N, C-alpha and C. Protein backbone atom coordinates (compact mmCIF):
# COMPACT_ATOMS: atom_id res chain seq x y z
N MET A 1 -13.54 -12.87 7.05
CA MET A 1 -13.41 -13.12 8.48
C MET A 1 -14.67 -13.77 9.02
N ALA A 2 -15.29 -14.56 8.20
CA ALA A 2 -16.49 -15.25 8.66
C ALA A 2 -16.10 -16.28 9.70
N GLY A 3 -17.01 -16.56 10.56
CA GLY A 3 -16.76 -17.58 11.57
C GLY A 3 -16.24 -17.00 12.86
N ARG A 4 -14.91 -16.85 12.95
CA ARG A 4 -14.30 -16.41 14.21
C ARG A 4 -13.33 -15.25 13.97
N PRO A 5 -13.84 -14.07 13.68
CA PRO A 5 -12.95 -12.94 13.40
C PRO A 5 -12.06 -12.59 14.59
N HIS A 6 -12.56 -12.82 15.80
CA HIS A 6 -11.75 -12.49 16.97
C HIS A 6 -10.48 -13.34 17.04
N GLU A 7 -10.55 -14.57 16.56
CA GLU A 7 -9.36 -15.44 16.55
C GLU A 7 -8.34 -14.93 15.53
N LEU A 8 -8.81 -14.53 14.36
CA LEU A 8 -7.92 -13.98 13.35
C LEU A 8 -7.26 -12.70 13.86
N LEU A 9 -8.04 -11.84 14.48
CA LEU A 9 -7.48 -10.60 15.02
C LEU A 9 -6.46 -10.88 16.12
N ARG A 10 -6.73 -11.87 16.94
CA ARG A 10 -5.79 -12.23 18.00
C ARG A 10 -4.47 -12.73 17.40
N LEU A 11 -4.56 -13.58 16.36
CA LEU A 11 -3.36 -14.10 15.72
C LEU A 11 -2.57 -13.00 15.02
N LEU A 12 -3.26 -12.10 14.35
CA LEU A 12 -2.59 -10.98 13.70
C LEU A 12 -1.89 -10.09 14.72
N THR A 13 -2.57 -9.80 15.80
CA THR A 13 -1.98 -8.96 16.86
C THR A 13 -0.77 -9.65 17.47
N ARG A 14 -0.88 -10.93 17.75
CA ARG A 14 0.24 -11.67 18.35
C ARG A 14 1.45 -11.66 17.42
N ALA A 15 1.22 -11.96 16.13
CA ALA A 15 2.32 -11.99 15.16
C ALA A 15 2.96 -10.61 15.03
N GLU A 16 2.15 -9.57 14.98
CA GLU A 16 2.69 -8.21 14.85
C GLU A 16 3.50 -7.83 16.07
N ARG A 17 3.00 -8.10 17.24
CA ARG A 17 3.71 -7.71 18.47
C ARG A 17 4.99 -8.49 18.66
N LEU A 18 4.95 -9.79 18.36
CA LEU A 18 6.17 -10.59 18.50
C LEU A 18 7.23 -10.15 17.49
N SER A 19 6.82 -9.90 16.26
CA SER A 19 7.79 -9.47 15.25
C SER A 19 8.33 -8.07 15.58
N MET A 20 7.48 -7.17 16.03
CA MET A 20 7.95 -5.83 16.38
C MET A 20 8.86 -5.85 17.60
N ARG A 21 8.60 -6.74 18.53
CA ARG A 21 9.47 -6.87 19.69
C ARG A 21 10.88 -7.29 19.25
N ARG A 22 10.94 -8.23 18.32
CA ARG A 22 12.24 -8.69 17.82
C ARG A 22 12.94 -7.60 17.01
N VAL A 23 12.18 -6.90 16.18
CA VAL A 23 12.77 -5.82 15.40
C VAL A 23 13.25 -4.71 16.33
N GLN A 24 12.46 -4.37 17.34
CA GLN A 24 12.85 -3.30 18.25
C GLN A 24 14.12 -3.66 19.01
N SER A 25 14.32 -4.95 19.32
CA SER A 25 15.55 -5.35 20.01
C SER A 25 16.78 -5.04 19.15
N VAL A 26 16.65 -5.16 17.84
CA VAL A 26 17.74 -4.78 16.93
C VAL A 26 17.87 -3.27 16.88
N LEU A 27 16.75 -2.58 16.73
CA LEU A 27 16.77 -1.12 16.60
C LEU A 27 17.32 -0.45 17.85
N ASP A 28 17.11 -1.07 19.02
CA ASP A 28 17.64 -0.50 20.26
C ASP A 28 19.16 -0.35 20.20
N GLU A 29 19.83 -1.25 19.51
CA GLU A 29 21.28 -1.17 19.35
C GLU A 29 21.69 0.08 18.58
N PHE A 30 20.79 0.60 17.77
CA PHE A 30 21.04 1.79 16.95
C PHE A 30 20.36 3.03 17.52
N ASP A 31 19.73 2.88 18.69
CA ASP A 31 18.97 3.97 19.30
C ASP A 31 17.94 4.52 18.32
N CYS A 32 17.15 3.60 17.76
CA CYS A 32 16.19 3.94 16.72
C CYS A 32 14.82 3.38 17.09
N SER A 33 13.78 4.15 16.87
CA SER A 33 12.42 3.69 17.12
C SER A 33 11.87 2.96 15.90
N ILE A 34 10.81 2.22 16.12
CA ILE A 34 10.12 1.54 15.01
C ILE A 34 9.66 2.58 13.98
N GLU A 35 9.12 3.70 14.46
CA GLU A 35 8.61 4.72 13.53
C GLU A 35 9.75 5.30 12.69
N ALA A 36 10.90 5.57 13.33
CA ALA A 36 12.05 6.10 12.59
C ALA A 36 12.53 5.06 11.57
N TRP A 37 12.55 3.79 11.97
CA TRP A 37 12.94 2.72 11.05
C TRP A 37 12.02 2.70 9.84
N ARG A 38 10.74 2.82 10.07
CA ARG A 38 9.79 2.78 8.95
C ARG A 38 10.03 3.93 7.98
N VAL A 39 10.36 5.12 8.53
CA VAL A 39 10.65 6.27 7.67
C VAL A 39 11.93 6.01 6.88
N LEU A 40 12.98 5.57 7.56
CA LEU A 40 14.25 5.30 6.87
C LEU A 40 14.07 4.24 5.80
N ASP A 41 13.31 3.21 6.11
CA ASP A 41 13.08 2.14 5.14
C ASP A 41 12.30 2.65 3.93
N LEU A 42 11.28 3.45 4.17
CA LEU A 42 10.49 4.01 3.07
C LEU A 42 11.35 4.90 2.18
N LEU A 43 12.22 5.70 2.80
CA LEU A 43 13.05 6.63 2.03
C LEU A 43 14.23 5.95 1.35
N SER A 44 14.45 4.69 1.65
CA SER A 44 15.64 4.00 1.12
C SER A 44 15.58 3.75 -0.39
N ASP A 45 14.44 4.03 -1.02
CA ASP A 45 14.36 3.85 -2.46
C ASP A 45 15.07 4.97 -3.22
N GLY A 46 15.48 6.02 -2.50
CA GLY A 46 16.25 7.10 -3.10
C GLY A 46 15.46 8.08 -3.94
N GLN A 47 14.16 7.95 -3.98
CA GLN A 47 13.35 8.81 -4.84
C GLN A 47 12.97 10.13 -4.20
N GLY A 48 12.98 10.21 -2.90
CA GLY A 48 12.48 11.39 -2.22
C GLY A 48 10.97 11.34 -2.18
N HIS A 49 10.41 11.65 -1.02
CA HIS A 49 8.97 11.55 -0.84
C HIS A 49 8.43 12.79 -0.14
N HIS A 50 7.21 13.18 -0.53
CA HIS A 50 6.51 14.27 0.13
C HIS A 50 6.09 13.83 1.52
N MET A 51 5.95 14.77 2.42
CA MET A 51 5.58 14.46 3.80
C MET A 51 4.26 13.70 3.86
N SER A 52 3.29 14.09 3.05
CA SER A 52 1.99 13.41 3.10
C SER A 52 2.12 11.95 2.66
N ALA A 53 2.96 11.66 1.67
CA ALA A 53 3.17 10.29 1.23
C ALA A 53 3.89 9.48 2.31
N ILE A 54 4.82 10.11 2.99
CA ILE A 54 5.53 9.42 4.08
C ILE A 54 4.56 9.12 5.21
N ALA A 55 3.76 10.10 5.58
CA ALA A 55 2.78 9.90 6.66
C ALA A 55 1.86 8.73 6.34
N ASP A 56 1.38 8.67 5.10
CA ASP A 56 0.52 7.55 4.67
C ASP A 56 1.28 6.23 4.73
N GLY A 57 2.52 6.24 4.29
CA GLY A 57 3.30 5.02 4.20
C GLY A 57 3.76 4.45 5.53
N VAL A 58 3.90 5.31 6.53
CA VAL A 58 4.38 4.83 7.83
C VAL A 58 3.31 4.92 8.92
N PHE A 59 2.12 5.29 8.54
CA PHE A 59 0.96 5.29 9.44
C PHE A 59 1.16 6.22 10.64
N LEU A 60 1.64 7.44 10.37
CA LEU A 60 1.82 8.43 11.42
C LEU A 60 1.02 9.68 11.08
N PRO A 61 0.47 10.33 12.11
CA PRO A 61 -0.16 11.63 11.84
C PRO A 61 0.92 12.65 11.45
N MET A 62 0.53 13.63 10.67
CA MET A 62 1.48 14.60 10.14
C MET A 62 2.29 15.30 11.24
N SER A 63 1.65 15.65 12.35
CA SER A 63 2.38 16.35 13.42
C SER A 63 3.48 15.47 14.01
N SER A 64 3.21 14.19 14.20
CA SER A 64 4.22 13.27 14.72
C SER A 64 5.33 13.05 13.70
N LEU A 65 4.96 12.96 12.44
CA LEU A 65 5.95 12.75 11.39
C LEU A 65 6.88 13.96 11.29
N THR A 66 6.33 15.16 11.37
CA THR A 66 7.16 16.36 11.29
C THR A 66 8.21 16.37 12.39
N LYS A 67 7.82 16.03 13.62
CA LYS A 67 8.78 15.97 14.73
C LYS A 67 9.83 14.90 14.48
N LEU A 68 9.40 13.76 13.98
CA LEU A 68 10.33 12.66 13.71
C LEU A 68 11.31 13.04 12.60
N ILE A 69 10.82 13.64 11.53
CA ILE A 69 11.71 14.07 10.43
C ILE A 69 12.70 15.11 10.95
N ASP A 70 12.24 16.04 11.80
CA ASP A 70 13.16 17.01 12.40
C ASP A 70 14.28 16.30 13.16
N GLN A 71 13.94 15.26 13.92
CA GLN A 71 14.96 14.51 14.66
C GLN A 71 15.93 13.81 13.71
N LEU A 72 15.40 13.22 12.65
CA LEU A 72 16.25 12.52 11.69
C LEU A 72 17.15 13.49 10.93
N VAL A 73 16.66 14.69 10.68
CA VAL A 73 17.50 15.73 10.06
C VAL A 73 18.61 16.12 11.03
N ASP A 74 18.27 16.31 12.31
CA ASP A 74 19.28 16.67 13.32
C ASP A 74 20.36 15.59 13.46
N GLN A 75 20.00 14.34 13.21
CA GLN A 75 20.95 13.22 13.29
C GLN A 75 21.71 13.01 11.98
N ASN A 76 21.45 13.86 10.99
CA ASN A 76 22.06 13.77 9.67
C ASN A 76 21.75 12.44 8.98
N LEU A 77 20.53 11.96 9.17
CA LEU A 77 20.08 10.74 8.50
C LEU A 77 19.16 11.06 7.33
N VAL A 78 18.50 12.21 7.40
CA VAL A 78 17.53 12.64 6.38
C VAL A 78 17.79 14.11 6.08
N TYR A 79 17.54 14.49 4.84
CA TYR A 79 17.55 15.90 4.49
C TYR A 79 16.31 16.24 3.70
N ARG A 80 15.97 17.52 3.72
CA ARG A 80 14.82 18.01 2.97
C ARG A 80 15.33 18.81 1.78
N ARG A 81 14.56 18.74 0.69
CA ARG A 81 14.87 19.57 -0.47
C ARG A 81 13.57 19.98 -1.14
N ILE A 82 13.63 21.05 -1.87
CA ILE A 82 12.46 21.54 -2.61
C ILE A 82 12.18 20.58 -3.76
N ASP A 83 10.92 20.27 -3.96
CA ASP A 83 10.51 19.41 -5.06
C ASP A 83 10.65 20.20 -6.36
N PRO A 84 11.49 19.74 -7.28
CA PRO A 84 11.65 20.49 -8.53
C PRO A 84 10.37 20.55 -9.38
N ALA A 85 9.47 19.59 -9.19
CA ALA A 85 8.22 19.58 -9.95
C ALA A 85 7.18 20.53 -9.36
N ASP A 86 7.28 20.82 -8.07
CA ASP A 86 6.34 21.71 -7.39
C ASP A 86 7.10 22.40 -6.26
N ARG A 87 7.59 23.58 -6.52
CA ARG A 87 8.48 24.28 -5.59
C ARG A 87 7.82 24.62 -4.25
N ARG A 88 6.51 24.43 -4.15
CA ARG A 88 5.81 24.68 -2.88
C ARG A 88 5.94 23.49 -1.94
N ARG A 89 6.37 22.35 -2.46
CA ARG A 89 6.43 21.12 -1.68
C ARG A 89 7.88 20.77 -1.34
N VAL A 90 8.01 20.00 -0.28
CA VAL A 90 9.32 19.56 0.19
C VAL A 90 9.40 18.04 0.08
N LEU A 91 10.54 17.57 -0.38
CA LEU A 91 10.81 16.13 -0.43
C LEU A 91 11.80 15.78 0.67
N ALA A 92 11.62 14.63 1.27
CA ALA A 92 12.59 14.11 2.24
C ALA A 92 13.35 12.97 1.58
N GLN A 93 14.65 12.92 1.84
CA GLN A 93 15.50 11.87 1.30
C GLN A 93 16.53 11.48 2.35
N LEU A 94 17.08 10.28 2.19
CA LEU A 94 18.15 9.84 3.08
C LEU A 94 19.45 10.51 2.70
N THR A 95 20.22 10.86 3.71
CA THR A 95 21.60 11.29 3.48
C THR A 95 22.43 10.03 3.26
N PRO A 96 23.66 10.16 2.77
CA PRO A 96 24.51 8.97 2.67
C PRO A 96 24.66 8.26 4.02
N ARG A 97 24.77 9.01 5.09
CA ARG A 97 24.85 8.42 6.43
C ARG A 97 23.55 7.68 6.77
N GLY A 98 22.42 8.26 6.40
CA GLY A 98 21.13 7.63 6.64
C GLY A 98 20.97 6.34 5.87
N LEU A 99 21.44 6.33 4.62
CA LEU A 99 21.37 5.12 3.81
C LEU A 99 22.25 4.03 4.41
N GLU A 100 23.45 4.40 4.83
CA GLU A 100 24.35 3.42 5.45
C GLU A 100 23.75 2.85 6.73
N ARG A 101 23.19 3.74 7.57
CA ARG A 101 22.57 3.29 8.82
C ARG A 101 21.39 2.36 8.53
N ARG A 102 20.57 2.71 7.57
CA ARG A 102 19.43 1.88 7.21
C ARG A 102 19.88 0.50 6.73
N GLN A 103 20.94 0.46 5.93
CA GLN A 103 21.47 -0.82 5.44
C GLN A 103 22.00 -1.68 6.60
N GLN A 104 22.68 -1.06 7.55
CA GLN A 104 23.18 -1.79 8.72
C GLN A 104 22.03 -2.39 9.51
N MET A 105 21.01 -1.58 9.75
CA MET A 105 19.85 -2.06 10.50
C MET A 105 19.13 -3.16 9.74
N ALA A 106 18.98 -2.99 8.43
CA ALA A 106 18.27 -3.99 7.62
C ALA A 106 18.98 -5.34 7.68
N ARG A 107 20.30 -5.32 7.61
CA ARG A 107 21.05 -6.58 7.71
C ARG A 107 20.80 -7.28 9.04
N GLN A 108 20.83 -6.51 10.11
CA GLN A 108 20.62 -7.10 11.43
C GLN A 108 19.18 -7.56 11.62
N ILE A 109 18.24 -6.83 11.09
CA ILE A 109 16.83 -7.24 11.18
C ILE A 109 16.61 -8.53 10.41
N ARG A 110 17.19 -8.62 9.21
CA ARG A 110 17.08 -9.87 8.43
C ARG A 110 17.65 -11.05 9.22
N ALA A 111 18.79 -10.83 9.87
CA ALA A 111 19.40 -11.90 10.67
C ALA A 111 18.50 -12.27 11.84
N GLU A 112 17.91 -11.28 12.49
CA GLU A 112 17.04 -11.54 13.65
C GLU A 112 15.77 -12.27 13.25
N LEU A 113 15.24 -11.96 12.08
CA LEU A 113 14.00 -12.57 11.63
C LEU A 113 14.25 -13.75 10.69
N GLY A 114 15.46 -14.27 10.72
CA GLY A 114 15.82 -15.37 9.83
C GLY A 114 14.91 -16.58 9.95
N ASN A 115 14.32 -16.77 11.13
CA ASN A 115 13.44 -17.93 11.29
C ASN A 115 12.17 -17.82 10.47
N MET A 116 11.88 -16.64 9.93
CA MET A 116 10.71 -16.50 9.08
C MET A 116 10.90 -17.24 7.77
N GLU A 117 12.14 -17.64 7.48
CA GLU A 117 12.40 -18.42 6.28
C GLU A 117 11.69 -19.77 6.34
N LEU A 118 11.21 -20.13 7.53
CA LEU A 118 10.45 -21.37 7.66
C LEU A 118 9.22 -21.35 6.76
N LEU A 119 8.73 -20.15 6.46
CA LEU A 119 7.57 -20.02 5.57
C LEU A 119 7.93 -20.40 4.14
N GLY A 120 9.20 -20.27 3.79
CA GLY A 120 9.63 -20.48 2.42
C GLY A 120 9.19 -19.31 1.55
N GLU A 121 9.77 -19.22 0.39
CA GLU A 121 9.44 -18.10 -0.50
C GLU A 121 7.98 -18.11 -0.91
N ASP A 122 7.45 -19.29 -1.23
CA ASP A 122 6.04 -19.39 -1.62
C ASP A 122 5.12 -19.01 -0.47
N GLY A 123 5.45 -19.49 0.74
CA GLY A 123 4.64 -19.17 1.90
C GLY A 123 4.67 -17.69 2.22
N GLU A 124 5.85 -17.08 2.07
CA GLU A 124 5.98 -15.65 2.32
C GLU A 124 5.16 -14.85 1.30
N ASP A 125 5.24 -15.25 0.03
CA ASP A 125 4.45 -14.57 -1.00
C ASP A 125 2.95 -14.73 -0.75
N GLU A 126 2.57 -15.95 -0.35
CA GLU A 126 1.15 -16.20 -0.06
C GLU A 126 0.67 -15.36 1.12
N LEU A 127 1.49 -15.31 2.17
CA LEU A 127 1.14 -14.50 3.34
C LEU A 127 1.03 -13.03 2.96
N ARG A 128 1.98 -12.53 2.17
CA ARG A 128 1.95 -11.14 1.72
C ARG A 128 0.66 -10.85 0.96
N THR A 129 0.30 -11.77 0.06
CA THR A 129 -0.92 -11.61 -0.74
C THR A 129 -2.17 -11.60 0.15
N LEU A 130 -2.23 -12.56 1.08
CA LEU A 130 -3.40 -12.63 1.97
C LEU A 130 -3.51 -11.40 2.86
N LEU A 131 -2.38 -10.94 3.40
CA LEU A 131 -2.42 -9.74 4.26
C LEU A 131 -2.81 -8.50 3.45
N ALA A 132 -2.32 -8.41 2.23
CA ALA A 132 -2.70 -7.28 1.37
C ALA A 132 -4.19 -7.31 1.07
N ARG A 133 -4.72 -8.51 0.77
CA ARG A 133 -6.16 -8.63 0.52
C ARG A 133 -6.98 -8.26 1.74
N LEU A 134 -6.53 -8.70 2.92
CA LEU A 134 -7.23 -8.35 4.15
C LEU A 134 -7.19 -6.84 4.39
N ALA A 135 -6.02 -6.25 4.23
CA ALA A 135 -5.89 -4.79 4.42
C ALA A 135 -6.78 -4.04 3.43
N ASP A 136 -6.81 -4.51 2.18
CA ASP A 136 -7.65 -3.87 1.17
C ASP A 136 -9.13 -3.96 1.55
N ALA A 137 -9.53 -5.13 2.01
CA ALA A 137 -10.94 -5.32 2.39
C ALA A 137 -11.31 -4.42 3.56
N LEU A 138 -10.40 -4.29 4.51
CA LEU A 138 -10.68 -3.44 5.67
C LEU A 138 -10.62 -1.96 5.33
N ASP A 139 -9.73 -1.61 4.38
CA ASP A 139 -9.53 -0.22 4.00
C ASP A 139 -10.50 0.22 2.91
N GLY A 140 -11.01 -0.74 2.15
CA GLY A 140 -11.91 -0.41 1.06
C GLY A 140 -11.20 0.17 -0.15
N THR A 141 -9.89 -0.16 -0.32
CA THR A 141 -9.14 0.33 -1.48
C THR A 141 -8.68 -0.82 -2.32
N ASP A 142 -8.23 -0.48 -3.53
CA ASP A 142 -7.72 -1.46 -4.47
C ASP A 142 -6.21 -1.33 -4.52
N THR A 143 -5.47 -2.41 -4.21
CA THR A 143 -4.02 -2.38 -4.32
C THR A 143 -3.53 -3.52 -5.16
N ALA A 144 -2.34 -3.33 -5.68
CA ALA A 144 -1.67 -4.39 -6.44
C ALA A 144 -0.52 -4.90 -5.60
N VAL A 145 -0.37 -6.20 -5.52
CA VAL A 145 0.72 -6.78 -4.75
C VAL A 145 1.91 -6.95 -5.68
N THR A 146 3.06 -6.41 -5.24
CA THR A 146 4.29 -6.54 -6.00
C THR A 146 5.25 -7.36 -5.16
N THR A 147 6.38 -7.67 -5.71
CA THR A 147 7.36 -8.44 -4.94
C THR A 147 7.98 -7.54 -3.90
N GLY A 148 7.60 -7.75 -2.65
CA GLY A 148 8.22 -7.03 -1.55
C GLY A 148 7.41 -5.89 -0.99
N ARG A 149 6.64 -5.21 -1.79
CA ARG A 149 5.90 -4.05 -1.28
C ARG A 149 4.50 -4.05 -1.85
N THR A 150 3.57 -3.51 -1.08
CA THR A 150 2.22 -3.32 -1.57
C THR A 150 2.09 -1.85 -1.95
N GLU A 151 1.64 -1.60 -3.18
CA GLU A 151 1.51 -0.22 -3.65
C GLU A 151 0.06 0.03 -4.04
N ARG A 152 -0.43 1.20 -3.73
CA ARG A 152 -1.77 1.57 -4.15
C ARG A 152 -1.76 1.80 -5.65
N THR A 153 -2.81 1.35 -6.33
CA THR A 153 -2.87 1.55 -7.76
C THR A 153 -3.57 2.84 -8.12
N ALA A 154 -4.25 3.45 -7.19
CA ALA A 154 -4.93 4.71 -7.46
C ALA A 154 -4.47 5.74 -6.47
N GLY A 155 -4.34 6.98 -6.91
CA GLY A 155 -4.01 8.08 -6.02
C GLY A 155 -2.56 8.08 -5.56
N ARG A 156 -1.65 7.46 -6.30
CA ARG A 156 -0.25 7.37 -5.87
C ARG A 156 0.62 8.43 -6.53
N ALA A 157 0.11 9.20 -7.42
CA ALA A 157 0.93 10.15 -8.18
C ALA A 157 1.07 11.48 -7.47
N ARG A 158 1.41 11.46 -6.19
CA ARG A 158 1.58 12.72 -5.45
C ARG A 158 2.93 13.32 -5.73
């Protein structure tokens, strides 16, 4: 960020806010918040995740996440189960209804953000790589960029 970091931060903020505004317009049709969408999207891999991993993945404090998971459980979108590997821990997973709802929202979000295809596949991959590098530099961690998701290479075996 040599030179004009304030310009880069302004552009990042503008892009994030404009994209979130468009995503939220879709989510409003489903009466869903951005935070709930992030949880549903994270859980859509079907693996089940510990609360601490979810909190890290969706950038929410644990107390806020607990309230949100309670709401998603009440809506029959998420369920909790005991982790068979560590019976003291709880895993959250999508219910079939939650998976269906997430898929419906994802289709509409893709349609709403269709203009991002202007970047092309190479441009999208390049942007993903650059944003991951920037996040790593700011966070001071080492991550590996994969197709579609950024995963931490250390400390992920929770």
